[in-house]
């Protein structure tokens, strides 16, 4: 358990070991999530990535992409179509 003091401006210094666990550094954004009376601090970028991954779950199979080569081929085709327009 770690304790931090809040400044008059509402700022808090996050202890280094907690920053390392969150994978955040100067300039990164953190997310505060309230759930069941508790507040959690999350790495905002990682949370956004997790939500994007969840939103796209199953899409590769749906459109028939089996591996990285299929993705590369699809991107090349999309670029070719865009260039033709």
PDB file of N, CA and C in Angstrom:
ATOM      1  N   UNK A   1       0.851  -1.176   0.000  1.00  0.00           N
ATOM      2  CA  UNK A   1       0.000   0.000   0.000  1.00  0.00           C
ATOM      3  C   UNK A   1       0.891   1.231   0.000  1.00  0.00           C
ATOM      4  N   UNK A   2       0.546   2.201  -0.794  1.00  0.00           N
ATOM      5  CA  UNK A   2       1.321   3.440  -0.908  1.00  0.00           C
ATOM      6  C   UNK A   2       0.449   4.617  -0.503  1.00  0.00           C
ATOM      7  N   UNK A   3       1.061   5.636   0.058  1.00  0.00           N
ATOM      8  CA  UNK A   3       0.347   6.853   0.442  1.00  0.00           C
ATOM      9  C   UNK A   3       0.982   8.020  -0.296  1.00  0.00           C
ATOM     10  N   UNK A   4       0.137   8.925  -0.792  1.00  0.00           N
ATOM     11  CA  UNK A   4       0.610  10.139  -1.444  1.00  0.00           C
ATOM     12  C   UNK A   4      -0.198  11.311  -0.907  1.00  0.00           C
ATOM     13  N   UNK A   5       0.413  12.484  -0.910  1.00  0.00           N
ATOM     14  CA  UNK A   5      -0.248  13.674  -0.398  1.00  0.00           C
ATOM     15  C   UNK A   5      -0.775  14.499  -1.570  1.00  0.00           C
ATOM     16  N   UNK A   6      -1.956  15.064  -1.408  1.00  0.00           N
ATOM     17  CA  UNK A   6      -2.562  15.911  -2.429  1.00  0.00           C
ATOM     18  C   UNK A   6      -2.124  17.350  -2.197  1.00  0.00           C
ATOM     19  N   UNK A   7      -1.675  18.033  -3.249  1.00  0.00           N
ATOM     20  CA  UNK A   7      -1.266  19.435  -3.133  1.00  0.00           C
ATOM     21  C   UNK A   7      -2.490  20.341  -3.126  1.00  0.00           C
ATOM     22  N   UNK A   8      -2.264  21.626  -2.896  1.00  0.00           N
ATOM     23  CA  UNK A   8      -3.367  22.595  -2.889  1.00  0.00           C
ATOM     24  C   UNK A   8      -4.044  22.684  -4.258  1.00  0.00           C
ATOM     25  N   UNK A   9      -3.340  22.263  -5.307  1.00  0.00           N
ATOM     26  CA  UNK A   9      -3.907  22.275  -6.667  1.00  0.00           C
ATOM     27  C   UNK A   9      -4.543  20.930  -7.025  1.00  0.00           C
ATOM     28  N   UNK A  10      -4.615  20.010  -6.067  1.00  0.00           N
ATOM     29  CA  UNK A  10      -5.221  18.704  -6.329  1.00  0.00           C
ATOM     30  C   UNK A  10      -4.298  17.731  -7.020  1.00  0.00           C
ATOM     31  N   UNK A  11      -3.009  18.035  -7.054  1.00  0.00           N
ATOM     32  CA  UNK A  11      -2.052  17.157  -7.716  1.00  0.00           C
ATOM     33  C   UNK A  11      -1.512  16.111  -6.760  1.00  0.00           C
ATOM     34  N   UNK A  12      -1.193  14.944  -7.320  1.00  0.00           N
ATOM     35  CA  UNK A  12      -0.657  13.833  -6.547  1.00  0.00           C
ATOM     36  C   UNK A  12       0.545  13.281  -7.299  1.00  0.00           C
ATOM     37  N   UNK A  13       1.602  12.955  -6.571  1.00  0.00           N
ATOM     38  CA  UNK A  13       2.745  12.282  -7.175  1.00  0.00           C
ATOM     39  C   UNK A  13       2.504  10.776  -7.037  1.00  0.00           C
ATOM     40  N   UNK A  14       2.477  10.091  -8.171  1.00  0.00           N
ATOM     41  CA  UNK A  14       2.282   8.635  -8.157  1.00  0.00           C
ATOM     42  C   UNK A  14       3.643   7.998  -7.868  1.00  0.00           C
ATOM     43  N   UNK A  15       3.719   7.153  -6.859  1.00  0.00           N
ATOM     44  CA  UNK A  15       5.001   6.505  -6.534  1.00  0.00           C
ATOM     45  C   UNK A  15       5.584   5.770  -7.747  1.00  0.00           C
ATOM     46  N   UNK A  16       6.913   5.773  -7.842  1.00  0.00           N
ATOM     47  CA  UNK A  16       7.618   5.210  -9.006  1.00  0.00           C
ATOM     48  C   UNK A  16       7.246   3.756  -9.271  1.00  0.00           C
ATOM     49  N   UNK A  17       7.128   2.929  -8.239  1.00  0.00           N
ATOM     50  CA  UNK A  17       6.811   1.525  -8.496  1.00  0.00           C
ATOM     51  C   UNK A  17       5.402   1.361  -9.055  1.00  0.00           C
ATOM     52  N   UNK A  18       4.480   2.236  -8.676  1.00  0.00           N
ATOM     53  CA  UNK A  18       3.126   2.203  -9.239  1.00  0.00           C
ATOM     54  C   UNK A  18       3.156   2.684 -10.688  1.00  0.00           C
ATOM     55  N   UNK A  19       3.934   3.736 -10.970  1.00  0.00           N
ATOM     56  CA  UNK A  19       4.062   4.210 -12.363  1.00  0.00           C
ATOM     57  C   UNK A  19       4.626   3.117 -13.252  1.00  0.00           C
ATOM     58  N   UNK A  20       5.588   2.390 -12.734  1.00  0.00           N
ATOM     59  CA  UNK A  20       6.186   1.299 -13.518  1.00  0.00           C
ATOM     60  C   UNK A  20       5.155   0.201 -13.783  1.00  0.00           C
ATOM     61  N   UNK A  21       4.377  -0.147 -12.762  1.00  0.00           N
ATOM     62  CA  UNK A  21       3.353  -1.186 -12.940  1.00  0.00           C
ATOM     63  C   UNK A  21       2.302  -0.751 -13.945  1.00  0.00           C
ATOM     64  N   UNK A  22       1.969   0.555 -13.939  1.00  0.00           N
ATOM     65  CA  UNK A  22       0.992   1.075 -14.897  1.00  0.00           C
ATOM     66  C   UNK A  22       1.604   1.265 -16.289  1.00  0.00           C
ATOM     67  N   UNK A  23       2.927   1.328 -16.339  1.00  0.00           N
ATOM     68  CA  UNK A  23       3.606   1.562 -17.617  1.00  0.00           C
ATOM     69  C   UNK A  23       3.434   2.996 -18.099  1.00  0.00           C
ATOM     70  N   UNK A  24       3.422   3.952 -17.158  1.00  0.00           N
ATOM     71  CA  UNK A  24       3.250   5.358 -17.530  1.00  0.00           C
ATOM     72  C   UNK A  24       4.513   6.146 -17.231  1.00  0.00           C
ATOM     73  N   UNK A  25       4.682   7.209 -18.012  1.00  0.00           N
ATOM     74  CA  UNK A  25       5.821   8.105 -17.819  1.00  0.00           C
ATOM     75  C   UNK A  25       5.329   9.544 -17.979  1.00  0.00           C
ATOM     76  N   UNK A  26       6.215  10.482 -17.813  1.00  0.00           N
ATOM     77  CA  UNK A  26       5.858  11.895 -17.909  1.00  0.00           C
ATOM     78  C   UNK A  26       5.124  12.179 -19.223  1.00  0.00           C
ATOM     79  N   UNK A  27       4.006  12.873 -19.120  1.00  0.00           N
ATOM     80  CA  UNK A  27       3.229  13.239 -20.305  1.00  0.00           C
ATOM     81  C   UNK A  27       2.126  12.247 -20.654  1.00  0.00           C
ATOM     82  N   UNK A  28       2.205  11.018 -20.128  1.00  0.00           N
ATOM     83  CA  UNK A  28       1.154  10.035 -20.383  1.00  0.00           C
ATOM     84  C   UNK A  28      -0.121  10.427 -19.642  1.00  0.00           C
ATOM     85  N   UNK A  29      -1.217   9.883 -20.090  1.00  0.00           N
ATOM     86  CA  UNK A  29      -2.500  10.142 -19.438  1.00  0.00           C
ATOM     87  C   UNK A  29      -2.930   8.914 -18.661  1.00  0.00           C
ATOM     88  N   UNK A  30      -3.583   9.183 -17.527  1.00  0.00           N
ATOM     89  CA  UNK A  30      -4.134   8.099 -16.728  1.00  0.00           C
ATOM     90  C   UNK A  30      -5.642   8.271 -16.655  1.00  0.00           C
ATOM     91  N   UNK A  31      -6.301   7.191 -16.398  1.00  0.00           N
ATOM     92  CA  UNK A  31      -7.757   7.149 -16.365  1.00  0.00           C
ATOM     93  C   UNK A  31      -8.193   6.762 -14.962  1.00  0.00           C
ATOM     94  N   UNK A  32      -9.174   7.485 -14.435  1.00  0.00           N
ATOM     95  CA  UNK A  32      -9.742   7.157 -13.133  1.00  0.00           C
ATOM     96  C   UNK A  32     -11.091   6.503 -13.379  1.00  0.00           C
ATOM     97  N   UNK A  33     -11.267   5.304 -12.868  1.00  0.00           N
ATOM     98  CA  UNK A  33     -12.504   4.554 -13.054  1.00  0.00           C
ATOM     99  C   UNK A  33     -13.103   4.269 -11.689  1.00  0.00           C
ATOM    100  N   UNK A  34     -14.361   4.680 -11.510  1.00  0.00           N
ATOM    101  CA  UNK A  34     -15.054   4.391 -10.258  1.00  0.00           C
ATOM    102  C   UNK A  34     -15.956   3.194 -10.467  1.00  0.00           C
ATOM    103  N   UNK A  35     -15.832   2.235  -9.564  1.00  0.00           N
ATOM    104  CA  UNK A  35     -16.601   1.009  -9.673  1.00  0.00           C
ATOM    105  C   UNK A  35     -16.896   0.472  -8.271  1.00  0.00           C
ATOM    106  N   UNK A  36     -18.145   0.317  -7.959  1.00  0.00           N
ATOM    107  CA  UNK A  36     -18.568  -0.248  -6.674  1.00  0.00           C
ATOM    108  C   UNK A  36     -17.926   0.466  -5.484  1.00  0.00           C
ATOM    109  N   UNK A  37     -17.895   1.785  -5.548  1.00  0.00           N
ATOM    110  CA  UNK A  37     -17.370   2.569  -4.434  1.00  0.00           C
ATOM    111  C   UNK A  37     -15.861   2.643  -4.349  1.00  0.00           C
ATOM    112  N   UNK A  38     -15.163   2.101  -5.330  1.00  0.00           N
ATOM    113  CA  UNK A  38     -13.698   2.159  -5.360  1.00  0.00           C
ATOM    114  C   UNK A  38     -13.267   2.896  -6.612  1.00  0.00           C
ATOM    115  N   UNK A  39     -12.103   3.535  -6.541  1.00  0.00           N
ATOM    116  CA  UNK A  39     -11.554   4.250  -7.694  1.00  0.00           C
ATOM    117  C   UNK A  39     -10.274   3.553  -8.112  1.00  0.00           C
ATOM    118  N   UNK A  40     -10.181   3.244  -9.404  1.00  0.00           N
ATOM    119  CA  UNK A  40      -9.014   2.571  -9.961  1.00  0.00           C
ATOM    120  C   UNK A  40      -8.290   3.524 -10.899  1.00  0.00           C
ATOM    121  N   UNK A  41      -6.970   3.435 -10.917  1.00  0.00           N
ATOM    122  CA  UNK A  41      -6.153   4.223 -11.836  1.00  0.00           C
ATOM    123  C   UNK A  41      -5.648   3.283 -12.916  1.00  0.00           C
ATOM    124  N   UNK A  42      -5.870   3.664 -14.180  1.00  0.00           N
ATOM    125  CA  UNK A  42      -5.453   2.843 -15.318  1.00  0.00           C
ATOM    126  C   UNK A  42      -4.612   3.672 -16.269  1.00  0.00           C
ATOM    127  N   UNK A  43      -3.762   3.009 -17.005  1.00  0.00           N
ATOM    128  CA  UNK A  43      -3.023   3.650 -18.092  1.00  0.00           C
ATOM    129  C   UNK A  43      -4.034   3.894 -19.207  1.00  0.00           C
ATOM    130  N   UNK A  44      -4.313   5.160 -19.529  1.00  0.00           N
ATOM    131  CA  UNK A  44      -5.359   5.498 -20.489  1.00  0.00           C
ATOM    132  C   UNK A  44      -5.099   4.893 -21.872  1.00  0.00           C
ATOM    133  N   UNK A  45      -3.855   4.886 -22.318  1.00  0.00           N
ATOM    134  CA  UNK A  45      -3.534   4.323 -23.638  1.00  0.00           C
ATOM    135  C   UNK A  45      -3.791   2.827 -23.681  1.00  0.00           C
ATOM    136  N   UNK A  46      -3.388   2.127 -22.634  1.00  0.00           N
ATOM    137  CA  UNK A  46      -3.588   0.685 -22.600  1.00  0.00           C
ATOM    138  C   UNK A  46      -5.074   0.346 -22.511  1.00  0.00           C
ATOM    139  N   UNK A  47      -5.830   1.133 -21.784  1.00  0.00           N
ATOM    140  CA  UNK A  47      -7.266   0.890 -21.673  1.00  0.00           C
ATOM    141  C   UNK A  47      -7.943   1.119 -23.026  1.00  0.00           C
ATOM    142  N   UNK A  48      -7.529   2.172 -23.735  1.00  0.00           N
ATOM    143  CA  UNK A  48      -8.085   2.438 -25.067  1.00  0.00           C
ATOM    144  C   UNK A  48      -7.766   1.279 -26.010  1.00  0.00           C
ATOM    145  N   UNK A  49      -6.549   0.762 -25.933  1.00  0.00           N
ATOM    146  CA  UNK A  49      -6.160  -0.382 -26.767  1.00  0.00           C
ATOM    147  C   UNK A  49      -6.988  -1.614 -26.429  1.00  0.00           C
ATOM    148  N   UNK A  50      -7.203  -1.881 -25.137  1.00  0.00           N
ATOM    149  CA  UNK A  50      -8.020  -3.032 -24.736  1.00  0.00           C
ATOM    150  C   UNK A  50      -9.449  -2.903 -25.260  1.00  0.00           C
ATOM    151  N   UNK A  51      -9.997  -1.698 -25.191  1.00  0.00           N
ATOM    152  CA  UNK A  51     -11.366  -1.493 -25.681  1.00  0.00           C
ATOM    153  C   UNK A  51     -11.431  -1.670 -27.199  1.00  0.00           C
ATOM    154  N   UNK A  52     -10.413  -1.181 -27.910  1.00  0.00           N
ATOM    155  CA  UNK A  52     -10.379  -1.358 -29.361  1.00  0.00           C
ATOM    156  C   UNK A  52     -10.262  -2.838 -29.716  1.00  0.00           C
ATOM    157  N   UNK A  53      -9.416  -3.558 -29.000  1.00  0.00           N
ATOM    158  CA  UNK A  53      -9.262  -4.989 -29.255  1.00  0.00           C
ATOM    159  C   UNK A  53     -10.579  -5.719 -29.020  1.00  0.00           C
ATOM    160  N   UNK A  54     -11.265  -5.366 -27.955  1.00  0.00           N
ATOM    161  CA  UNK A  54     -12.554  -6.007 -27.660  1.00  0.00           C
ATOM    162  C   UNK A  54     -13.574  -5.688 -28.737  1.00  0.00           C
ATOM    163  N   UNK A  55     -13.567  -4.439 -29.222  1.00  0.00           N
ATOM    164  CA  UNK A  55     -14.523  -4.030 -30.250  1.00  0.00           C
ATOM    165  C   UNK A  55     -14.287  -4.776 -31.563  1.00  0.00           C
ATOM    166  N   UNK A  56     -13.024  -5.099 -31.853  1.00  0.00           N
ATOM    167  CA  UNK A  56     -12.694  -5.767 -33.112  1.00  0.00           C
ATOM    168  C   UNK A  56     -12.592  -7.283 -32.981  1.00  0.00           C
ATOM    169  N   UNK A  57     -12.824  -7.799 -31.801  1.00  0.00           N
ATOM    170  CA  UNK A  57     -12.721  -9.249 -31.593  1.00  0.00           C
ATOM    171  C   UNK A  57     -13.620  -9.994 -32.576  1.00  0.00           C
ATOM    172  N   UNK A  58     -13.042 -10.950 -33.277  1.00  0.00           N
ATOM    173  CA  UNK A  58     -13.804 -11.773 -34.214  1.00  0.00           C
ATOM    174  C   UNK A  58     -13.922 -11.197 -35.609  1.00  0.00           C
ATOM    175  N   UNK A  59     -13.526  -9.946 -35.816  1.00  0.00           N
ATOM    176  CA  UNK A  59     -13.665  -9.315 -37.136  1.00  0.00           C
ATOM    177  C   UNK A  59     -12.757  -9.957 -38.178  1.00  0.00           C
ATOM    178  N   UNK A  60     -11.549 -10.338 -37.787  1.00  0.00           N
ATOM    179  CA  UNK A  60     -10.634 -10.962 -38.744  1.00  0.00           C
ATOM    180  C   UNK A  60     -11.237 -12.243 -39.306  1.00  0.00           C
ATOM    181  N   UNK A  61     -11.785 -13.058 -38.429  1.00  0.00           N
ATOM    182  CA  UNK A  61     -12.410 -14.304 -38.886  1.00  0.00           C
ATOM    183  C   UNK A  61     -13.631 -13.995 -39.753  1.00  0.00           C
ATOM    184  N   UNK A  62     -14.390 -12.982 -39.369  1.00  0.00           N
ATOM    185  CA  UNK A  62     -15.608 -12.628 -40.100  1.00  0.00           C
ATOM    186  C   UNK A  62     -15.309 -12.255 -41.547  1.00  0.00           C
ATOM    187  N   UNK A  63     -14.192 -11.536 -41.765  1.00  0.00           N
ATOM    188  CA  UNK A  63     -13.856 -11.119 -43.134  1.00  0.00           C
ATOM    189  C   UNK A  63     -12.884 -12.073 -43.814  1.00  0.00           C
ATOM    190  N   UNK A  64     -12.559 -13.187 -43.138  1.00  0.00           N
ATOM    191  CA  UNK A  64     -11.757 -14.228 -43.764  1.00  0.00           C
ATOM    192  C   UNK A  64     -10.252 -14.055 -43.675  1.00  0.00           C
ATOM    193  N   UNK A  65      -9.770 -13.272 -42.718  1.00  0.00           N
ATOM    194  CA  UNK A  65      -8.325 -13.095 -42.556  1.00  0.00           C
ATOM    195  C   UNK A  65      -7.800 -14.196 -41.643  1.00  0.00           C
ATOM    196  N   UNK A  66      -6.858 -14.976 -42.185  1.00  0.00           N
ATOM    197  CA  UNK A  66      -6.347 -16.114 -41.415  1.00  0.00           C
ATOM    198  C   UNK A  66      -4.997 -15.831 -40.780  1.00  0.00           C
ATOM    199  N   UNK A  67      -4.183 -14.981 -41.431  1.00  0.00           N
ATOM    200  CA  UNK A  67      -2.855 -14.705 -40.892  1.00  0.00           C
ATOM    201  C   UNK A  67      -2.382 -13.328 -41.354  1.00  0.00           C
ATOM    202  N   UNK A  68      -1.155 -12.997 -40.990  1.00  0.00           N
ATOM    203  CA  UNK A  68      -0.593 -11.685 -41.309  1.00  0.00           C
ATOM    204  C   UNK A  68      -0.521 -11.440 -42.817  1.00  0.00           C
ATOM    205  N   UNK A  69      -0.257 -12.478 -43.580  1.00  0.00           N
ATOM    206  CA  UNK A  69      -0.186 -12.326 -45.045  1.00  0.00           C
ATOM    207  C   UNK A  69      -1.535 -11.888 -45.614  1.00  0.00           C
ATOM    208  N   UNK A  70      -2.623 -12.405 -45.056  1.00  0.00           N
ATOM    209  CA  UNK A  70      -3.956 -11.991 -45.497  1.00  0.00           C
ATOM    210  C   UNK A  70      -4.186 -10.511 -45.196  1.00  0.00           C
ATOM    211  N   UNK A  71      -3.714 -10.061 -44.039  1.00  0.00           N
ATOM    212  CA  UNK A  71      -3.867  -8.649 -43.660  1.00  0.00           C
ATOM    213  C   UNK A  71      -3.076  -7.764 -44.623  1.00  0.00           C
ATOM    214  N   UNK A  72      -1.833  -8.143 -44.909  1.00  0.00           N
ATOM    215  CA  UNK A  72      -0.989  -7.370 -45.828  1.00  0.00           C
ATOM    216  C   UNK A  72      -1.644  -7.310 -47.207  1.00  0.00           C
ATOM    217  N   UNK A  73      -2.161  -8.418 -47.688  1.00  0.00           N
ATOM    218  CA  UNK A  73      -2.835  -8.459 -48.992  1.00  0.00           C
ATOM    219  C   UNK A  73      -4.060  -7.551 -49.008  1.00  0.00           C
ATOM    220  N   UNK A  74      -4.829  -7.573 -47.920  1.00  0.00           N
ATOM    221  CA  UNK A  74      -6.022  -6.737 -47.840  1.00  0.00           C
ATOM    222  C   UNK A  74      -5.643  -5.259 -47.866  1.00  0.00           C
ATOM    223  N   UNK A  75      -4.594  -4.888 -47.146  1.00  0.00           N
ATOM    224  CA  UNK A  75      -4.152  -3.493 -47.117  1.00  0.00           C
ATOM    225  C   UNK A  75      -3.684  -3.056 -48.502  1.00  0.00           C
ATOM    226  N   UNK A  76      -2.931  -3.906 -49.177  1.00  0.00           N
ATOM    227  CA  UNK A  76      -2.464  -3.573 -50.534  1.00  0.00           C
ATOM    228  C   UNK A  76      -3.643  -3.365 -51.472  1.00  0.00           C
ATOM    229  N   UNK A  77      -4.650  -4.221 -51.365  1.00  0.00           N
ATOM    230  CA  UNK A  77      -5.843  -4.103 -52.206  1.00  0.00           C
ATOM    231  C   UNK A  77      -6.593  -2.808 -51.909  1.00  0.00           C
ATOM    232  N   UNK A  78      -6.749  -2.483 -50.639  1.00  0.00           N
ATOM    233  CA  UNK A  78      -7.432  -1.238 -50.269  1.00  0.00           C
ATOM    234  C   UNK A  78      -6.679  -0.015 -50.774  1.00  0.00           C
ATOM    235  N   UNK A  79      -5.359  -0.037 -50.675  1.00  0.00           N
ATOM    236  CA  UNK A  79      -4.544   1.076 -51.184  1.00  0.00           C
ATOM    237  C   UNK A  79      -4.669   1.195 -52.693  1.00  0.00           C
ATOM    238  N   UNK A  80      -4.693   0.054 -53.381  1.00  0.00           N
ATOM    239  CA  UNK A  80      -4.827   0.040 -54.834  1.00  0.00           C
ATOM    240  C   UNK A  80      -6.187   0.644 -55.229  1.00  0.00           C
ATOM    241  N   UNK A  81      -7.250   0.234 -54.535  1.00  0.00           N
ATOM    242  CA  UNK A  81      -8.584   0.774 -54.813  1.00  0.00           C
ATOM    243  C   UNK A  81      -8.642   2.269 -54.549  1.00  0.00           C
ATOM    244  N   UNK A  82      -8.024   2.705 -53.474  1.00  0.00           N
ATOM    245  CA  UNK A  82      -8.040   4.135 -53.128  1.00  0.00           C
ATOM    246  C   UNK A  82      -7.269   4.949 -54.155  1.00  0.00           C
ATOM    247  N   UNK A  83      -6.168   4.402 -54.632  1.00  0.00           N
ATOM    248  CA  UNK A  83      -5.346   5.091 -55.617  1.00  0.00           C
ATOM    249  C   UNK A  83      -6.088   5.255 -56.943  1.00  0.00           C
ATOM    250  N   UNK A  84      -6.922   4.280 -57.284  1.00  0.00           N
ATOM    251  CA  UNK A  84      -7.671   4.312 -58.528  1.00  0.00           C
ATOM    252  C   UNK A  84      -8.767   5.376 -58.516  1.00  0.00           C
ATOM    253  N   UNK A  85      -9.210   5.771 -57.332  1.00  0.00           N
ATOM    254  CA  UNK A  85     -10.298   6.760 -57.222  1.00  0.00           C
ATOM    255  C   UNK A  85      -9.843   8.166 -57.440  1.00  0.00           C
TER     256      UNK A  85
END
